[in-house]
Every structure is written in C-alpha cells, then in structure tokens.
Amino acid sequence: MDFEFTPDEERFREELHQLLLTHLPGDWAKRGLAEPIDSEERHALADLISKQLADRKWLTMAWPEKFGGLDASYLMQYLFNEEMAYLDAPGGGGVGVTSVGPAIMMYGNEEQQRIYLPRIANADDRWAALYSEPGAGSDLASIQTRAVRDGDEYVINGLKTWVAGADRATMGWLAARTDPNGPKHRGLSTFAVPMDDPGVEIRPIENLAGERQLSEVLLHDVRVPIENRVGPENRGWYHVASTLDFERSGVASYARGKRHIEQLVDLVKENSTLSEQRQAVRYELADRWIELQVGFNVAQRIPWLQTQGISPNHEASVSKVYGSEMTQRIAGTGVRLLGMAGLLQRGTDGAPAGGAFARHYLTSAGSTIAAGTSEIQRNIIAQRGLGLPR
C-alpha cells in the first residue's frame, strides 16, 4: 500500500485544520487536552463546530450524496478523524454519523430515511448508543432489555450503562430483545427512541477524573411506536454488526497520542531539569514516539483495505488493542516524567500543561475497556485473524 496522501487529500486536511483553528479559542492548543469532556465550553464548541462541518457536508462526508454526504473515500474519513482528534476538537457527529445513519440507510424504510438522516447530516440531532448493559458489555448478544409488542407499540424495559453523551442526546439508538426464546444473536431488534420520552431516566456516571461523560439509562415502560423499529424484527444484531464496515481505523488514539507526546517534549525543552532528573524517561519518550508511528501505519492500513473491498475485521481489533494500550503507556510516561507535579489537576497552581496529564492518566484507565475490551479484541484476532479455535 501507498502511505502517501494525494494532493487533494492533503488540501482537505489543511482546509479542515484551518476551519477548526478559526472556531477554537486561541489558547485551545495549550489547554484543549486538559478541558473536561463535560464542560459547558466544550459542549458549546461542539454545537458550533458540528454546524460548521454540516454546512460543508463534512460531518457526513462518507455518506452517499443522496443521503446528504459527499461519497468521500475511507481515506478522507480517516483524515477527518485524525485531524479532529489531533486538535481535540469537540463535535463530529458521533454515533449518529458512524452507526445510526449507516444502519438507517441499509435497513430503514424511506420514511425513516426521510425523517432521521437529514437531521443527523444537519447536526440537528445528537444520538446516544444504547447498547451495553450491566451484564452485557462487549458481548452484546447477551442483552436483556426487553421490547414487548403491544398493538402498534413496543413497551421497553431495561437498564443501559456506560452510555456516552446520553445527558445531551436527543435520540437513542437502542438494541433490545424482542424474542427471548430464540438464539441470542437472532432475538434482538433496533429502535430509534427519543431521549425525552416518558420513562427514560438518565443517571450520569462520574469517571476517575470527576467528569460526567457516561451515564446509565433506565427504561421503564417506555412506549415506542412500531414505526420506530428500524429493519425487520429480531435482526438487530446484524444491523449493529454491519455498520462496523464504516471507517474504523482507530486513528483518533494515535492522533491524540501524538499531541500528548509533543506536549511532553515541549515541557522538557522548557525545563531541562525534567530530563536531567529522570534520564531514563528520555528513552521512554523515544519508545512512545516509535510506537506511535507504528500505530499510524496500522491505522492507515484499515481504510486502505476497505478501499480494496476487504472488511478489516481482525485488523481493526489489532488497531483497537494497540491504540488503547499505547494510550495508557503514554499517560504513564507523562506522569513519570513530570513527577508529583504531573498529578496536579486542572485549576491547580503549577499544574504542568494545565493538568492535561493528570486528566490523561485518570481517563486512560478505561481505554482498554471501552468500545470492546482488550480481551475480546484478542479473541477476535486469534479466531478471525490467526484461525485459532474458540
């Protein structure tokens, strides 16, 4: 494969970069990585930037033109995700763009496409993925939330957890069990659920850094019209799985990692005593940079495979494991290099990089769990990549 980008691709990267710099605060480059994920400023910026991207059809660039996209290539989507993550720019469409929209295009009827897709493409709706449950995280086939048919409605009861952005979402993309007696992969259905429906209760979960990005979502006798079921009943597992064919390189981990390492190098240049007191950490920084370059190559191979018509199943798992574990290693290097000061959080006098590394260290703990644990990813690599038995 060719790791060079075309002039058009590089031109798009620069245009996107300049657009983001225009709307991000002037000091964002220094403090963005320390800004809490749930701050009001970040939320306001997300709304502003999403609208700017939507106006250019960049928010849904990989979607077909007939659905409000640009039919952009996987590599263009890769560059979009890389640049957004490198600048830690809020906005970008989330699961509405990456999962919900593609599922509705493939399995929704014309009326559903007419209602939901323009609102996603125009950044009018924010979606939350209502998948994980206390007993069903990486193994979504174990979902127990029930959707029971009652005339022209479904009555939904259950508890979803680790839901990102639920407190600000207008719509939920719900996987629920509609056939409790069938094989567990064949008894699920998918629904579009307004998050302000009666019976939907959102309970924020605080992470180690004190941020409330995740939530529990309790569904108690929530009534959803049959028109809100997307696709045939009991085929929801396939609806969820098939959307994974969209861009899934994991490049965001490497782009954010690059910013963190660059920030650490700048701190060392500004304060030479950091490297003099901890000379071994200089080698750690070099190791992290080399790992980062390997990671970018792993990530870029995935959209390249997709352009060849190959579904990068185990390759995406390789990128997920490598990227999430590298994220933790970079965070560890940061706090070791900065010493006790590296544990000072945002708003504390003397916190290096505005507390970015304290936040990074605390939030990186969940990176090997979220979006599929490292154990699950290694099973996928072993079985689908190496052909090993279950």
Protein backbone atom coordinates (compact mmCIF):
# COMPACT_ATOMS: atom_id res chain seq x y z
CA MET A 1 0.00 0.00 0.00
CA ASP A 2 1.00 3.64 -0.52
CA PHE A 3 1.29 5.63 2.72
CA GLU A 4 1.41 8.94 0.85
CA PHE A 5 -1.75 11.04 0.62
CA THR A 6 -2.81 12.68 -2.61
CA PRO A 7 -2.64 16.48 -3.10
CA ASP A 8 -6.45 16.63 -2.83
CA GLU A 9 -6.39 14.72 0.45
CA GLU A 10 -3.67 16.94 1.88
CA ARG A 11 -5.59 20.01 0.71
CA PHE A 12 -8.69 18.80 2.54
CA ARG A 13 -6.66 18.18 5.70
CA GLU A 14 -5.36 21.75 5.62
CA GLU A 15 -8.82 23.22 4.96
CA LEU A 16 -10.26 21.29 7.89
CA HIS A 17 -7.35 22.30 10.12
CA GLN A 18 -7.86 25.98 9.32
CA LEU A 19 -11.62 25.76 9.84
CA LEU A 20 -11.11 24.26 13.30
CA LEU A 21 -8.49 26.84 14.27
CA THR A 22 -10.91 29.59 13.21
CA HIS A 23 -13.58 28.45 15.67
CA LEU A 24 -11.49 27.06 18.54
CA PRO A 25 -10.31 29.51 21.22
CA GLY A 26 -6.84 30.95 20.64
CA ASP A 27 -5.34 29.11 23.62
CA TRP A 28 -7.05 25.79 22.78
CA ALA A 29 -3.80 24.23 21.55
CA LYS A 30 -2.37 24.59 25.07
CA ARG A 31 -5.37 23.71 27.19
CA GLY A 32 -7.68 21.66 24.97
CA LEU A 33 -6.41 18.28 26.19
CA ALA A 34 -6.97 19.41 29.78
CA GLU A 35 -10.51 20.69 29.17
CA PRO A 36 -13.07 18.43 30.92
CA ILE A 37 -15.18 16.43 28.49
CA ASP A 38 -18.34 17.68 30.21
CA SER A 39 -17.50 21.41 30.38
CA GLU A 40 -20.08 23.86 29.11
CA GLU A 41 -17.46 25.47 26.87
CA ARG A 42 -16.71 22.16 25.19
CA HIS A 43 -20.43 21.50 24.68
CA ALA A 44 -20.92 24.95 23.12
CA LEU A 45 -17.92 24.43 20.84
CA ALA A 46 -19.23 21.02 19.81
CA ASP A 47 -22.53 22.56 18.70
CA LEU A 48 -20.77 25.36 16.79
CA ILE A 49 -18.21 23.15 15.04
CA SER A 50 -20.75 20.46 14.17
CA LYS A 51 -22.89 23.05 12.40
CA GLN A 52 -19.88 24.39 10.51
CA LEU A 53 -18.95 20.88 9.39
CA ALA A 54 -22.56 20.11 8.45
CA ASP A 55 -22.76 23.23 6.27
CA ARG A 56 -19.88 21.82 4.19
CA LYS A 57 -21.25 18.26 4.29
CA TRP A 58 -18.03 17.24 6.02
CA LEU A 59 -19.91 15.88 9.01
CA THR A 60 -21.30 13.07 6.86
CA MET A 61 -18.71 13.15 4.09
CA ALA A 62 -18.55 9.36 3.71
CA TRP A 63 -22.32 9.07 3.25
CA PRO A 64 -23.75 8.71 -0.27
CA GLU A 65 -24.73 12.01 -1.87
CA LYS A 66 -28.40 11.04 -2.00
CA PHE A 67 -28.42 10.88 1.80
CA GLY A 68 -26.63 14.19 2.36
CA GLY A 69 -22.99 13.13 2.07
CA LEU A 70 -20.15 13.57 -0.38
CA ASP A 71 -19.38 9.94 -1.23
CA ALA A 72 -15.92 10.60 0.21
CA SER A 73 -13.39 7.79 0.42
CA TYR A 74 -12.45 5.89 3.55
CA LEU A 75 -9.09 7.66 3.49
CA MET A 76 -10.78 11.07 3.51
CA GLN A 77 -12.82 9.98 6.51
CA TYR A 78 -9.60 8.76 8.11
CA LEU A 79 -8.01 12.20 7.65
CA PHE A 80 -11.12 13.87 9.06
CA ASN A 81 -10.99 11.70 12.20
CA GLU A 82 -7.24 12.21 12.58
CA GLU A 83 -7.40 16.00 12.37
CA MET A 84 -10.40 16.27 14.71
CA ALA A 85 -8.66 14.11 17.30
CA TYR A 86 -5.25 15.79 16.96
CA LEU A 87 -6.78 19.18 17.81
CA ASP A 88 -9.10 17.53 20.36
CA ALA A 89 -11.89 19.41 18.59
CA PRO A 90 -15.40 18.91 20.01
CA GLY A 91 -18.14 17.95 17.57
CA GLY A 92 -18.02 15.50 14.73
CA GLY A 93 -21.33 13.71 14.68
CA GLY A 94 -20.61 10.76 16.97
CA VAL A 95 -22.59 7.54 16.67
CA GLY A 96 -25.30 9.31 14.71
CA VAL A 97 -22.90 9.63 11.79
CA THR A 98 -20.85 6.45 12.25
CA SER A 99 -23.52 3.92 13.25
CA VAL A 100 -27.09 5.15 13.24
CA GLY A 101 -27.08 6.82 9.84
CA PRO A 102 -25.47 3.88 8.02
CA ALA A 103 -27.90 1.44 9.67
CA ILE A 104 -30.91 3.52 8.62
CA MET A 105 -29.55 3.78 5.07
CA MET A 106 -29.21 -0.01 4.84
CA TYR A 107 -32.23 -1.21 6.82
CA GLY A 108 -34.59 1.72 7.34
CA ASN A 109 -37.59 2.39 5.14
CA GLU A 110 -37.97 5.53 3.03
CA GLU A 111 -39.97 7.33 5.71
CA GLN A 112 -37.31 6.66 8.35
CA GLN A 113 -34.60 7.81 5.98
CA ARG A 114 -36.56 10.98 5.25
CA ILE A 115 -37.07 11.75 8.95
CA TYR A 116 -33.77 10.83 10.58
CA LEU A 117 -30.95 11.19 8.03
CA PRO A 118 -31.29 14.94 7.28
CA ARG A 119 -31.37 15.73 10.99
CA ILE A 120 -28.13 13.80 11.52
CA ALA A 121 -26.45 15.36 8.47
CA ASN A 122 -27.51 18.87 9.58
CA ALA A 123 -26.34 18.30 13.19
CA ASP A 124 -29.89 18.83 14.46
CA ASP A 125 -29.94 15.61 16.48
CA ARG A 126 -27.39 14.10 18.83
CA TRP A 127 -27.59 10.32 19.21
CA ALA A 128 -26.52 8.02 22.02
CA ALA A 129 -25.85 4.29 21.56
CA LEU A 130 -28.00 2.31 23.98
CA TYR A 131 -26.13 -1.00 23.75
CA SER A 132 -24.18 -2.02 26.86
CA GLU A 133 -25.87 -3.33 29.99
CA PRO A 134 -24.55 -4.32 33.44
CA GLY A 135 -24.37 -7.94 32.23
CA ALA A 136 -23.75 -7.31 28.54
CA GLY A 137 -20.81 -5.12 27.63
CA SER A 138 -18.55 -6.44 24.91
CA ASP A 139 -20.92 -9.38 24.38
CA LEU A 140 -23.92 -7.53 23.01
CA ALA A 141 -25.69 -10.78 22.19
CA SER A 142 -26.34 -11.11 25.95
CA ILE A 143 -28.60 -8.02 26.02
CA GLN A 144 -31.62 -8.49 28.29
CA THR A 145 -33.51 -5.20 27.81
CA ARG A 146 -36.96 -6.30 26.61
CA ALA A 147 -39.16 -4.75 23.92
CA VAL A 148 -42.61 -6.37 24.09
CA ARG A 149 -45.10 -5.79 21.29
CA ASP A 150 -48.38 -4.22 22.43
CA GLY A 151 -50.57 -3.43 19.44
CA ASP A 152 -48.89 -0.72 17.37
CA GLU A 153 -46.26 -0.07 20.04
CA TYR A 154 -43.38 -1.74 21.84
CA VAL A 155 -43.11 -1.46 25.62
CA ILE A 156 -39.44 -1.31 26.58
CA ASN A 157 -37.94 -2.10 29.99
CA GLY A 158 -34.29 -2.42 30.90
CA LEU A 159 -31.11 -0.72 32.03
CA LYS A 160 -28.33 0.50 29.73
CA THR A 161 -24.97 1.58 31.07
CA TRP A 162 -21.72 3.28 30.00
CA VAL A 163 -23.73 5.37 27.54
CA ALA A 164 -21.60 8.21 26.15
CA GLY A 165 -23.28 11.59 25.81
CA ALA A 166 -26.70 10.43 26.99
CA ASP A 167 -27.29 13.59 29.02
CA ARG A 168 -27.12 15.75 25.89
CA ALA A 169 -28.54 13.31 23.35
CA THR A 170 -31.89 13.98 21.69
CA MET A 171 -32.21 10.46 20.29
CA GLY A 172 -31.16 6.98 21.42
CA TRP A 173 -30.19 4.06 19.16
CA LEU A 174 -31.47 1.12 21.16
CA ALA A 175 -30.79 -2.59 20.86
CA ALA A 176 -33.43 -4.62 22.75
CA ARG A 177 -34.55 -8.23 22.90
CA THR A 178 -37.81 -8.88 21.07
CA ASP A 179 -37.61 -12.70 21.09
CA PRO A 180 -36.47 -14.04 24.47
CA ASN A 181 -36.80 -17.67 23.36
CA GLY A 182 -34.77 -17.59 20.14
CA PRO A 183 -30.99 -17.84 19.71
CA LYS A 184 -29.47 -14.83 21.44
CA HIS A 185 -27.96 -13.41 18.24
CA ARG A 186 -31.33 -13.63 16.46
CA GLY A 187 -33.69 -12.17 19.04
CA LEU A 188 -32.61 -8.51 19.01
CA SER A 189 -34.21 -5.52 17.27
CA THR A 190 -33.08 -1.92 16.88
CA PHE A 191 -35.15 1.17 17.68
CA ALA A 192 -34.95 4.95 17.44
CA VAL A 193 -36.00 6.27 20.85
CA PRO A 194 -36.45 9.98 21.69
CA MET A 195 -34.45 10.58 24.87
CA ASP A 196 -37.21 12.78 26.32
CA ASP A 197 -39.83 10.02 26.08
CA PRO A 198 -41.72 9.28 29.32
CA GLY A 199 -39.98 6.50 31.22
CA VAL A 200 -36.44 7.36 30.05
CA GLU A 201 -34.29 8.26 33.06
CA ILE A 202 -30.65 9.34 32.67
CA ARG A 203 -28.24 8.87 35.58
CA PRO A 204 -24.77 10.36 34.98
CA ILE A 205 -21.71 8.29 35.95
CA GLU A 206 -18.60 10.12 37.19
CA ASN A 207 -15.24 8.85 35.93
CA LEU A 208 -11.91 8.92 37.80
CA ALA A 209 -11.28 12.48 36.60
CA GLY A 210 -14.62 13.66 38.00
CA GLU A 211 -16.17 14.08 34.55
CA ARG A 212 -19.67 13.02 33.58
CA GLN A 213 -19.44 11.83 30.01
CA LEU A 214 -21.06 8.44 30.64
CA SER A 215 -24.48 7.59 32.04
CA GLU A 216 -26.84 4.83 33.00
CA VAL A 217 -30.13 4.99 31.12
CA LEU A 218 -33.13 3.38 32.80
CA LEU A 219 -36.03 2.49 30.51
CA HIS A 220 -39.26 1.89 32.42
CA ASP A 221 -42.38 1.08 30.40
CA VAL A 222 -41.17 3.27 27.54
CA ARG A 223 -43.69 3.11 24.70
CA VAL A 224 -42.19 3.30 21.22
CA PRO A 225 -44.33 3.21 18.05
CA ILE A 226 -43.70 0.29 15.71
CA GLU A 227 -42.62 2.89 13.14
CA ASN A 228 -39.52 3.48 15.27
CA ARG A 229 -38.24 -0.06 14.81
CA VAL A 230 -35.56 0.01 12.14
CA GLY A 231 -35.41 -3.05 9.93
CA PRO A 232 -37.08 -6.44 10.40
CA GLU A 233 -37.85 -7.67 13.90
CA ASN A 234 -35.19 -9.90 15.51
CA ARG A 235 -32.47 -8.86 13.05
CA GLY A 236 -30.94 -6.11 15.18
CA TRP A 237 -27.68 -7.95 15.82
CA TYR A 238 -26.89 -7.82 12.11
CA HIS A 239 -27.89 -4.16 11.91
CA VAL A 240 -25.37 -3.31 14.61
CA ALA A 241 -22.59 -5.53 13.27
CA SER A 242 -22.86 -4.42 9.65
CA THR A 243 -22.25 -0.75 10.46
CA LEU A 244 -18.74 -1.72 11.52
CA ASP A 245 -17.84 -1.74 7.84
CA PHE A 246 -17.66 2.05 8.01
CA GLU A 247 -14.42 3.84 8.89
CA ARG A 248 -12.96 2.13 11.98
CA SER A 249 -9.22 2.67 11.84
CA GLY A 250 -8.83 3.83 15.44
CA VAL A 251 -6.66 6.72 14.25
CA ALA A 252 -8.06 9.02 16.96
CA SER A 253 -5.99 7.24 19.62
CA TYR A 254 -2.80 7.88 17.69
CA ALA A 255 -3.65 11.48 16.83
CA ARG A 256 -4.32 12.34 20.49
CA GLY A 257 -1.21 10.39 21.48
CA LYS A 258 0.85 12.50 19.11
CA ARG A 259 -0.41 15.70 20.73
CA HIS A 260 0.42 14.36 24.20
CA ILE A 261 3.95 13.34 23.24
CA GLU A 262 4.58 16.67 21.52
CA GLN A 263 3.36 18.41 24.67
CA LEU A 264 5.74 16.37 26.81
CA VAL A 265 8.69 17.15 24.53
CA ASP A 266 7.86 20.87 24.71
CA LEU A 267 7.77 20.69 28.53
CA VAL A 268 11.20 19.03 28.59
CA LYS A 269 12.63 21.70 26.26
CA GLU A 270 11.24 24.43 28.52
CA ASN A 271 12.54 22.76 31.70
CA SER A 272 15.74 20.79 31.17
CA THR A 273 15.78 19.59 34.79
CA LEU A 274 12.94 17.21 33.92
CA SER A 275 15.18 15.12 31.69
CA GLU A 276 18.27 15.62 33.87
CA GLN A 277 16.49 14.21 36.91
CA ARG A 278 14.86 11.35 35.05
CA GLN A 279 17.20 10.47 32.22
CA ALA A 280 15.56 7.08 31.58
CA VAL A 281 12.35 8.83 30.66
CA ARG A 282 14.09 10.30 27.60
CA TYR A 283 14.27 6.75 26.24
CA GLU A 284 10.62 6.23 27.17
CA LEU A 285 9.66 9.25 25.08
CA ALA A 286 11.59 7.86 22.14
CA ASP A 287 9.90 4.48 22.59
CA ARG A 288 6.46 6.10 22.69
CA TRP A 289 7.19 8.06 19.51
CA ILE A 290 8.30 4.94 17.66
CA GLU A 291 5.20 3.09 18.87
CA LEU A 292 3.09 5.99 17.68
CA GLN A 293 4.49 5.81 14.14
CA VAL A 294 3.79 2.07 14.06
CA GLY A 295 0.26 2.77 15.21
CA PHE A 296 -0.39 5.27 12.43
CA ASN A 297 0.73 2.65 9.89
CA VAL A 298 -1.59 0.05 11.44
CA ALA A 299 -4.48 2.52 11.38
CA GLN A 300 -3.91 3.68 7.82
CA ARG A 301 -3.90 0.13 6.52
CA ILE A 302 -7.51 -0.32 7.58
CA PRO A 303 -9.12 2.29 5.27
CA TRP A 304 -6.77 1.10 2.53
CA LEU A 305 -8.15 -2.45 2.92
CA GLN A 306 -11.68 -1.06 2.80
CA THR A 307 -10.92 0.70 -0.49
CA GLN A 308 -9.92 -2.74 -1.83
CA GLY A 309 -13.33 -4.15 -0.82
CA ILE A 310 -11.88 -6.06 2.15
CA SER A 311 -13.62 -5.89 5.54
CA PRO A 312 -10.82 -5.26 8.09
CA ASN A 313 -12.26 -7.36 10.87
CA HIS A 314 -9.30 -8.56 12.91
CA GLU A 315 -7.15 -5.69 11.62
CA ALA A 316 -9.49 -3.22 13.33
CA SER A 317 -9.14 -5.21 16.55
CA VAL A 318 -5.35 -5.03 16.25
CA SER A 319 -5.59 -1.24 15.99
CA LYS A 320 -8.01 -1.04 18.92
CA VAL A 321 -5.79 -3.10 21.25
CA TYR A 322 -2.58 -1.40 20.20
CA GLY A 323 -4.04 2.10 20.35
CA SER A 324 -5.76 1.78 23.73
CA GLU A 325 -2.75 0.15 25.40
CA MET A 326 -0.42 2.74 23.85
CA THR A 327 -2.69 5.45 25.28
CA GLN A 328 -2.08 4.07 28.76
CA ARG A 329 1.67 3.85 28.19
CA ILE A 330 1.84 7.50 27.07
CA ALA A 331 -0.13 8.55 30.15
CA GLY A 332 2.27 6.59 32.37
CA THR A 333 5.31 8.14 30.72
CA GLY A 334 3.81 11.59 31.25
CA VAL A 335 3.30 11.27 34.99
CA ARG A 336 6.71 9.61 35.47
CA LEU A 337 8.42 12.40 33.59
CA LEU A 338 6.58 15.19 35.39
CA GLY A 339 6.82 13.61 38.83
CA MET A 340 4.40 14.62 41.58
CA ALA A 341 3.51 17.77 39.66
CA GLY A 342 2.17 15.59 36.88
CA LEU A 343 -0.68 14.54 39.17
CA LEU A 344 -1.90 18.12 39.67
CA GLN A 345 -5.27 18.57 38.04
CA ARG A 346 -6.82 21.40 36.07
CA GLY A 347 -7.21 24.63 38.03
CA THR A 348 -4.33 23.86 40.41
CA ASP A 349 -1.43 26.31 40.53
CA GLY A 350 1.67 24.86 38.93
CA ALA A 351 -0.11 22.03 37.09
CA PRO A 352 2.04 21.19 34.02
CA ALA A 353 0.18 21.63 30.72
CA GLY A 354 -2.83 22.88 32.64
CA GLY A 355 -3.40 19.47 34.22
CA ALA A 356 -3.64 17.64 30.89
CA PHE A 357 -1.52 14.71 32.02
CA ALA A 358 -3.30 14.17 35.30
CA ARG A 359 -6.55 14.03 33.34
CA HIS A 360 -4.98 11.80 30.68
CA TYR A 361 -3.67 9.38 33.31
CA LEU A 362 -7.05 9.08 35.01
CA THR A 363 -9.17 8.79 31.87
CA SER A 364 -6.81 6.36 30.08
CA ALA A 365 -7.64 3.66 32.63
CA GLY A 366 -10.85 2.88 30.77
CA SER A 367 -9.37 2.88 27.27
CA THR A 368 -8.78 -0.89 27.28
CA ILE A 369 -12.38 -1.49 28.34
CA ALA A 370 -14.46 0.97 26.31
CA ALA A 371 -15.59 0.01 22.79
CA GLY A 372 -14.68 -3.65 23.35
CA THR A 373 -12.21 -4.89 25.95
CA SER A 374 -8.68 -5.88 25.03
CA GLU A 375 -9.58 -9.47 25.94
CA ILE A 376 -12.46 -9.52 23.46
CA GLN A 377 -10.29 -7.91 20.79
CA ARG A 378 -7.57 -10.53 21.30
CA ASN A 379 -10.14 -13.28 20.93
CA ILE A 380 -11.20 -11.76 17.60
CA ILE A 381 -7.58 -11.55 16.46
CA ALA A 382 -6.94 -15.17 17.47
CA GLN A 383 -10.07 -16.62 15.88
CA ARG A 384 -10.60 -14.48 12.78
CA GLY A 385 -7.03 -13.42 12.14
CA LEU A 386 -5.00 -16.47 13.13
CA GLY A 387 -7.69 -19.10 12.61
CA LEU A 388 -7.36 -20.48 16.14
CA PRO A 389 -10.27 -22.45 17.69
CA ARG A 390 -12.61 -20.90 20.24
